[in-house]
Structures are given as C-alpha cells and as structure tokens.
Amino acid sequence: MFRNRAVFSVTSCIYMILGVISATIGLKAFLLSNNFLDGGAMGVSLLINILTDIDLSVLIIIINLPFIIIGYRQISWQFAIRSTISIILLSVLVHFVELPSITSDKLLIAIFGGVFLGAGIGFSIRGGSVIDGTEVLAIYVSRRGGITVGNFIAIFNVALFLIAAFLINVETAMYSMLTYVAASKSVDFIINGIEEYIGVTIVSPQNADIRHMITDQLHRGVTVYRAAGGYQSAHDENRKVLFCVVTRLEVTKLLSEIEKIDPTAFVVQHSIREIKGGVLKKHVISH
C-alpha cells in the first residue's frame, strides 16, 4: 500500500492536501460538535478530547507520533516525512479553521462525518502518508505476532467502542460504530477506486468459446490452467480452467456473456486489492 517513492511529487501533494481538507470537514462540520468518535488513532484522539478537553489538534500529533516512528522503521523515511507533514497540517486546520455544524441529525452526522473523515484518510494513503496511524501499528503487530492486520484493527476498534460506551454512553458508542463503518467504506473506495479488480475463475466444457469471448469482446487476458476434476464420475484429467481479471464494472457483462455460452458454467469471483502490468492494466492506462 505504501510504496517507496520520491518524498514529494505533484500527485502525492494533491492527495495529501485533499486528505487533510476532507478530514478537517468531517471533524469540524460533523463529529467534533456532536462528540462522535471514529475508530483507530483518530477515535482515541476524539475520546480523550471529549473526556479531558485537551485540544484535539495537540492530541492528533501526540497520538500519531508513535505510529510515525513505527512507520519510519517498518516502511520508509519518506513515508514518515509525508505522514508528519500531513498530520501537522491537519492539526493546524483543526485548530484554526471554524466550520458551522451542517446538521443536527445524529444519523446524518455519523454517516457523513465518517464519509469525509474516511475520504481524508484514503486520500492521504494514496499520497503515501497517513493521518491515522492504526494501520501502521497493525502492520507492525502482524509482522511480530500471529494476528492479521484486519483482525488487529477490528479488535482495536471493538475495545475502543466498548470503552466509549462505558465512559460516555452507549448511544454515542453506537453512532460512533456507524461513523467507523462509513469511514472504512470511504477509505476502501478511495484507495481501490471505481476500478476495483475482480478475479474470476471459470470451469466449463465450453472453455474455448468463453476464452475467445473474453479476449475478443472484453479485450482481457486469460490464463488457462490444466486441471483434473475430482468429483466421482465427473473425473476428467484434461479439464481446462480459465482465470481472468476484470474491473467490477465489467463483472456483470462477463457473467452475462458466460451465461449465453454455458448456463451451467461454474464461476467463482474474488476481490483483488491491486494488480500490476498485464493486458488489463495496459487497457485501463490507455484510457
């Protein structure tokens, strides 16, 4: 996710600025004035701010400082520099910028506060930095122990919301969970974009026709695996299995075309976080 690159480029700067601005809107126009939390390091900062009245701009820097140090050791010094600048800029905007509260509806506050904050985190990540260091800590812990990144983040946030329910109230904790869900979905969308990739595995006796359809109509590459069927009398030593990667916008068309060729084809789909090179990437870049 975090690549080694030059410390700054025009693209990374644009993403970092967009991230900081979006996160500031989410915090100042929605969450702060209503004492709502998010997950992760930002959620910890918001919780401490509610309980102690310590300036959030100071807490954002203090809470994220250990994560920046971990990022320097585990990822790169370029990443640490970009993250430091993004976090300081976010703290400055949170401290000095005043935005009116847009709505008093708690549901809208939770959803849109999460959307703006999540978009800010996502843009920052695309710029090669973070404004919420929980994921950096999760990567560090996963490398040291047997827990996955996703499980660590889930456990961390469950503990955070339980503490919020005990120290503040259950209603705030529940709305904060909704904020976290909205934020995490926004992060996924910003990072993966509309061209999230889907891997499709196809098993069909009509594999030759399906392969030609994918290459000629969809202009996608196909990998052909030789496989053996293992289901009793259906055992076949010469079976061919197709695998291709398409964007999620193309999945419906692909399934429709497969249905026309072989309605009984066995099709498996799974999400792919990132791809590099190949026919699909070249086609996307050319557009």
Protein backbone atom coordinates (compact mmCIF):
# COMPACT_ATOMS: atom_id res chain seq x y z
CA MET A 1 0.00 0.00 0.00
CA PHE A 2 2.79 2.42 0.94
CA ARG A 3 5.33 2.46 -1.86
CA ASN A 4 8.87 3.75 -1.79
CA ARG A 5 8.86 6.83 -3.96
CA ALA A 6 10.33 10.31 -4.01
CA VAL A 7 9.48 12.23 -0.86
CA PHE A 8 7.11 14.52 -2.76
CA SER A 9 5.54 14.59 -6.19
CA VAL A 10 2.73 16.71 -7.57
CA THR A 11 0.31 13.80 -7.28
CA SER A 12 1.25 12.92 -3.71
CA CYS A 13 0.96 16.58 -2.66
CA ILE A 14 -2.51 16.88 -4.20
CA TYR A 15 -3.68 13.71 -2.46
CA MET A 16 -2.22 14.81 0.87
CA ILE A 17 -3.91 18.23 0.66
CA LEU A 18 -7.24 16.70 -0.35
CA GLY A 19 -6.94 14.24 2.51
CA VAL A 20 -6.28 16.89 5.12
CA ILE A 21 -9.10 19.13 3.86
CA SER A 22 -11.63 16.29 3.73
CA ALA A 23 -10.70 15.05 7.22
CA THR A 24 -10.98 18.61 8.58
CA ILE A 25 -14.51 18.93 7.17
CA GLY A 26 -15.51 15.61 8.70
CA LEU A 27 -14.15 16.59 12.09
CA LYS A 28 -15.18 20.24 12.32
CA ALA A 29 -18.50 20.20 10.46
CA PHE A 30 -19.81 16.90 11.84
CA LEU A 31 -18.04 14.92 14.55
CA LEU A 32 -16.45 17.39 16.97
CA SER A 33 -19.51 19.47 17.74
CA ASN A 34 -21.55 16.34 18.42
CA ASN A 35 -18.99 14.32 20.44
CA PHE A 36 -18.94 11.46 17.94
CA LEU A 37 -15.95 9.15 17.58
CA ASP A 38 -14.30 7.27 14.77
CA GLY A 39 -12.15 4.16 15.03
CA GLY A 40 -8.37 3.97 15.16
CA ALA A 41 -5.94 6.62 16.37
CA MET A 42 -8.37 9.38 15.41
CA GLY A 43 -11.02 7.75 17.57
CA VAL A 44 -8.60 7.63 20.51
CA SER A 45 -7.82 11.33 20.00
CA LEU A 46 -11.52 12.22 19.89
CA LEU A 47 -12.27 10.14 23.00
CA ILE A 48 -9.50 11.81 25.03
CA ASN A 49 -10.66 15.22 23.78
CA ILE A 50 -14.20 14.54 24.99
CA LEU A 51 -13.05 13.28 28.39
CA THR A 52 -10.31 15.83 29.13
CA ASP A 53 -10.91 18.87 26.89
CA ILE A 54 -7.30 18.70 25.71
CA ASP A 55 -7.08 20.43 22.32
CA LEU A 56 -7.72 17.87 19.57
CA SER A 57 -5.01 19.41 17.38
CA VAL A 58 -2.44 18.57 20.07
CA LEU A 59 -3.85 15.07 20.58
CA ILE A 60 -3.71 14.27 16.86
CA ILE A 61 0.06 14.87 16.89
CA ILE A 62 0.74 13.13 20.21
CA ILE A 63 -1.33 10.01 19.50
CA ASN A 64 0.09 9.58 15.99
CA LEU A 65 3.73 10.25 16.89
CA PRO A 66 4.49 6.62 17.92
CA PHE A 67 2.94 5.40 14.67
CA ILE A 68 5.15 7.73 12.64
CA ILE A 69 8.20 6.30 14.40
CA ILE A 70 7.00 2.76 13.64
CA GLY A 71 6.37 3.79 10.03
CA TYR A 72 9.92 5.13 9.77
CA ARG A 73 11.32 1.81 10.97
CA GLN A 74 8.93 -0.53 9.19
CA ILE A 75 8.16 1.28 5.92
CA SER A 76 10.46 4.16 4.90
CA TRP A 77 11.75 7.56 5.97
CA GLN A 78 9.91 9.14 3.01
CA PHE A 79 6.64 7.77 4.38
CA ALA A 80 7.45 9.13 7.84
CA ILE A 81 8.18 12.61 6.47
CA ARG A 82 4.98 12.74 4.40
CA SER A 83 2.91 11.49 7.34
CA THR A 84 4.45 14.01 9.71
CA ILE A 85 3.61 16.89 7.37
CA SER A 86 0.05 15.62 6.78
CA ILE A 87 -0.63 15.21 10.49
CA ILE A 88 0.80 18.63 11.38
CA LEU A 89 -1.23 20.27 8.60
CA LEU A 90 -4.38 18.51 9.80
CA SER A 91 -3.70 19.69 13.36
CA VAL A 92 -3.25 23.27 12.19
CA LEU A 93 -6.51 23.25 10.23
CA VAL A 94 -8.43 21.61 13.08
CA HIS A 95 -7.14 24.26 15.48
CA PHE A 96 -7.67 27.37 13.36
CA VAL A 97 -10.47 26.60 10.90
CA GLU A 98 -14.03 27.10 12.10
CA LEU A 99 -16.85 25.39 10.22
CA PRO A 100 -20.56 25.54 11.08
CA SER A 101 -22.28 22.34 12.14
CA ILE A 102 -24.12 21.27 8.99
CA THR A 103 -26.88 19.18 10.58
CA SER A 104 -28.24 18.17 13.96
CA ASP A 105 -29.49 14.80 12.73
CA LYS A 106 -27.38 12.19 14.51
CA LEU A 107 -27.69 9.64 11.73
CA LEU A 108 -26.51 12.13 9.09
CA ILE A 109 -23.70 13.27 11.37
CA ALA A 110 -22.46 9.71 11.83
CA ILE A 111 -22.65 8.81 8.15
CA PHE A 112 -21.33 11.96 6.52
CA GLY A 113 -18.77 12.61 9.23
CA GLY A 114 -17.45 9.13 8.58
CA VAL A 115 -17.52 9.63 4.81
CA PHE A 116 -15.50 12.84 4.91
CA LEU A 117 -13.06 11.54 7.51
CA GLY A 118 -12.64 8.23 5.68
CA ALA A 119 -12.11 10.02 2.38
CA GLY A 120 -9.43 12.11 4.08
CA ILE A 121 -7.65 9.00 5.35
CA GLY A 122 -7.96 7.35 1.92
CA PHE A 123 -6.57 10.35 0.02
CA SER A 124 -3.68 10.57 2.48
CA ILE A 125 -2.84 6.91 1.95
CA ARG A 126 -2.91 7.39 -1.82
CA GLY A 127 -0.48 10.26 -1.31
CA GLY A 128 1.89 7.92 0.53
CA SER A 129 1.15 9.11 4.06
CA VAL A 130 -1.28 8.57 6.94
CA ILE A 131 -3.29 10.84 9.19
CA ASP A 132 -4.42 7.84 11.26
CA GLY A 133 -1.60 5.53 12.25
CA THR A 134 -3.60 2.49 13.36
CA GLU A 135 -2.88 0.61 10.15
CA VAL A 136 0.85 1.17 10.60
CA LEU A 137 0.61 -0.31 14.10
CA ALA A 138 -1.44 -3.21 12.73
CA ILE A 139 1.24 -3.98 10.13
CA TYR A 140 3.90 -3.87 12.84
CA VAL A 141 1.96 -6.21 15.15
CA SER A 142 1.15 -8.63 12.32
CA ARG A 143 4.84 -8.94 11.50
CA ARG A 144 5.72 -9.59 15.13
CA GLY A 145 2.89 -11.93 16.01
CA GLY A 146 0.33 -14.30 14.55
CA ILE A 147 -2.55 -11.82 14.18
CA THR A 148 -3.57 -10.42 10.81
CA VAL A 149 -3.81 -6.70 10.05
CA GLY A 150 -7.60 -6.87 9.66
CA ASN A 151 -8.11 -8.77 12.91
CA PHE A 152 -5.90 -6.38 14.86
CA ILE A 153 -7.80 -3.32 13.58
CA ALA A 154 -11.13 -5.00 14.40
CA ILE A 155 -10.02 -5.89 17.95
CA PHE A 156 -8.58 -2.41 18.49
CA ASN A 157 -11.82 -0.70 17.45
CA VAL A 158 -14.08 -3.07 19.39
CA ALA A 159 -12.06 -2.26 22.52
CA LEU A 160 -12.25 1.48 21.73
CA PHE A 161 -16.02 1.48 21.31
CA LEU A 162 -16.54 -0.59 24.47
CA ILE A 163 -14.50 1.97 26.40
CA ALA A 164 -16.54 4.78 24.81
CA ALA A 165 -19.79 3.05 25.81
CA PHE A 166 -18.57 2.78 29.41
CA LEU A 167 -17.05 6.27 29.75
CA ILE A 168 -19.53 8.30 27.68
CA ASN A 169 -22.73 6.44 26.84
CA VAL A 170 -23.96 3.52 24.77
CA GLU A 171 -25.78 5.71 22.23
CA THR A 172 -22.65 7.68 21.38
CA ALA A 173 -20.69 4.43 21.03
CA MET A 174 -23.32 3.00 18.68
CA TYR A 175 -23.37 6.09 16.48
CA SER A 176 -19.57 6.07 16.52
CA MET A 177 -19.59 2.50 15.22
CA LEU A 178 -21.72 3.72 12.32
CA THR A 179 -19.21 6.53 11.74
CA TYR A 180 -16.40 3.98 11.65
CA VAL A 181 -18.25 1.79 9.13
CA ALA A 182 -18.88 4.79 6.85
CA ALA A 183 -15.26 5.88 7.19
CA SER A 184 -13.86 2.42 6.41
CA LYS A 185 -16.05 2.12 3.31
CA SER A 186 -14.88 5.54 2.13
CA VAL A 187 -11.24 4.52 2.67
CA ASP A 188 -11.77 1.36 0.61
CA PHE A 189 -13.46 3.26 -2.19
CA ILE A 190 -10.81 6.00 -2.35
CA ILE A 191 -7.93 3.50 -2.32
CA ASN A 192 -9.41 0.93 -4.70
CA GLY A 193 -11.41 3.39 -6.76
CA ILE A 194 -14.20 2.59 -9.14
CA GLU A 195 -11.88 0.17 -10.92
CA GLU A 196 -11.60 -2.32 -8.10
CA TYR A 197 -10.40 -5.56 -9.63
CA ILE A 198 -12.21 -8.87 -9.50
CA GLY A 199 -10.57 -12.22 -10.19
CA VAL A 200 -12.89 -14.66 -11.98
CA THR A 201 -12.28 -18.41 -12.21
CA ILE A 202 -14.38 -20.28 -14.79
CA VAL A 203 -14.83 -24.04 -15.16
CA SER A 204 -16.77 -25.08 -18.26
CA PRO A 205 -16.63 -27.63 -21.07
CA GLN A 206 -17.11 -24.63 -23.38
CA ASN A 207 -13.88 -23.07 -22.14
CA ALA A 208 -12.56 -22.40 -25.66
CA ASP A 209 -15.63 -20.33 -26.60
CA ILE A 210 -15.54 -18.47 -23.29
CA ARG A 211 -11.83 -17.76 -23.70
CA HIS A 212 -12.39 -16.26 -27.16
CA MET A 213 -15.27 -14.17 -25.82
CA ILE A 214 -13.09 -12.71 -23.07
CA THR A 215 -10.16 -11.91 -25.35
CA ASP A 216 -12.16 -10.76 -28.42
CA GLN A 217 -15.14 -8.98 -26.84
CA LEU A 218 -13.84 -7.79 -23.47
CA HIS A 219 -10.22 -7.43 -24.62
CA ARG A 220 -8.96 -9.03 -21.43
CA GLY A 221 -6.19 -11.51 -20.89
CA VAL A 222 -6.97 -15.07 -19.83
CA THR A 223 -4.83 -17.65 -18.09
CA VAL A 224 -5.62 -21.29 -18.88
CA TYR A 225 -4.90 -23.89 -16.19
CA ARG A 226 -4.88 -27.60 -16.84
CA ALA A 227 -6.85 -29.32 -14.08
CA ALA A 228 -8.35 -32.65 -13.15
CA GLY A 229 -11.92 -32.98 -11.97
CA GLY A 230 -12.27 -34.78 -8.66
CA TYR A 231 -15.99 -35.41 -8.30
CA GLN A 232 -16.67 -39.14 -8.75
CA SER A 233 -17.72 -39.94 -12.35
CA ALA A 234 -17.06 -36.36 -13.44
CA HIS A 235 -13.33 -37.00 -13.06
CA ASP A 236 -11.54 -35.50 -16.07
CA GLU A 237 -7.76 -35.43 -16.40
CA ASN A 238 -7.83 -32.92 -19.27
CA ARG A 239 -10.11 -30.24 -17.91
CA LYS A 240 -9.17 -26.61 -18.55
CA VAL A 241 -9.87 -23.85 -16.04
CA LEU A 242 -9.91 -20.19 -17.08
CA PHE A 243 -8.82 -17.29 -14.92
CA CYS A 244 -9.17 -13.61 -15.79
CA VAL A 245 -9.18 -10.26 -14.03
CA VAL A 246 -11.77 -7.57 -14.77
CA THR A 247 -12.91 -4.37 -13.13
CA ARG A 248 -16.03 -4.59 -11.00
CA LEU A 249 -17.92 -2.58 -13.64
CA GLU A 250 -17.24 -5.35 -16.17
CA VAL A 251 -18.25 -8.30 -13.99
CA THR A 252 -21.95 -8.16 -14.93
CA LYS A 253 -21.17 -8.17 -18.65
CA LEU A 254 -18.70 -11.04 -18.23
CA LEU A 255 -21.23 -13.17 -16.31
CA SER A 256 -23.93 -12.37 -18.86
CA GLU A 257 -21.74 -13.49 -21.76
CA ILE A 258 -20.70 -16.66 -19.91
CA GLU A 259 -24.39 -17.41 -19.29
CA LYS A 260 -25.07 -17.20 -23.03
CA ILE A 261 -22.31 -19.66 -23.85
CA ASP A 262 -22.73 -22.12 -20.97
CA PRO A 263 -25.53 -21.59 -18.41
CA THR A 264 -24.09 -24.41 -16.26
CA ALA A 265 -20.55 -22.98 -16.06
CA PHE A 266 -19.00 -22.93 -12.58
CA VAL A 267 -17.84 -19.36 -11.83
CA VAL A 268 -16.00 -18.11 -8.75
CA GLN A 269 -15.32 -14.40 -8.05
CA HIS A 270 -12.99 -12.80 -5.52
CA SER A 271 -11.72 -9.28 -4.90
CA ILE A 272 -8.15 -8.36 -5.82
CA ARG A 273 -6.57 -5.46 -3.96
CA GLU A 274 -4.05 -4.47 -6.63
CA ILE A 275 -2.61 -5.63 -9.93
CA LYS A 276 0.49 -4.68 -11.89
CA GLY A 277 1.10 -4.92 -15.63
CA GLY A 278 -0.69 -7.33 -17.93
CA VAL A 279 -3.41 -6.78 -20.52
CA LEU A 280 -5.92 -5.38 -18.02
CA LYS A 281 -3.61 -2.72 -16.64
CA LYS A 282 -2.42 -1.65 -20.08
CA HIS A 283 -6.02 -1.33 -21.27
CA VAL A 284 -7.03 0.76 -18.25
CA ILE A 285 -3.99 3.04 -18.56
CA SER A 286 -4.61 3.57 -22.27
CA HIS A 287 -7.96 5.13 -21.42
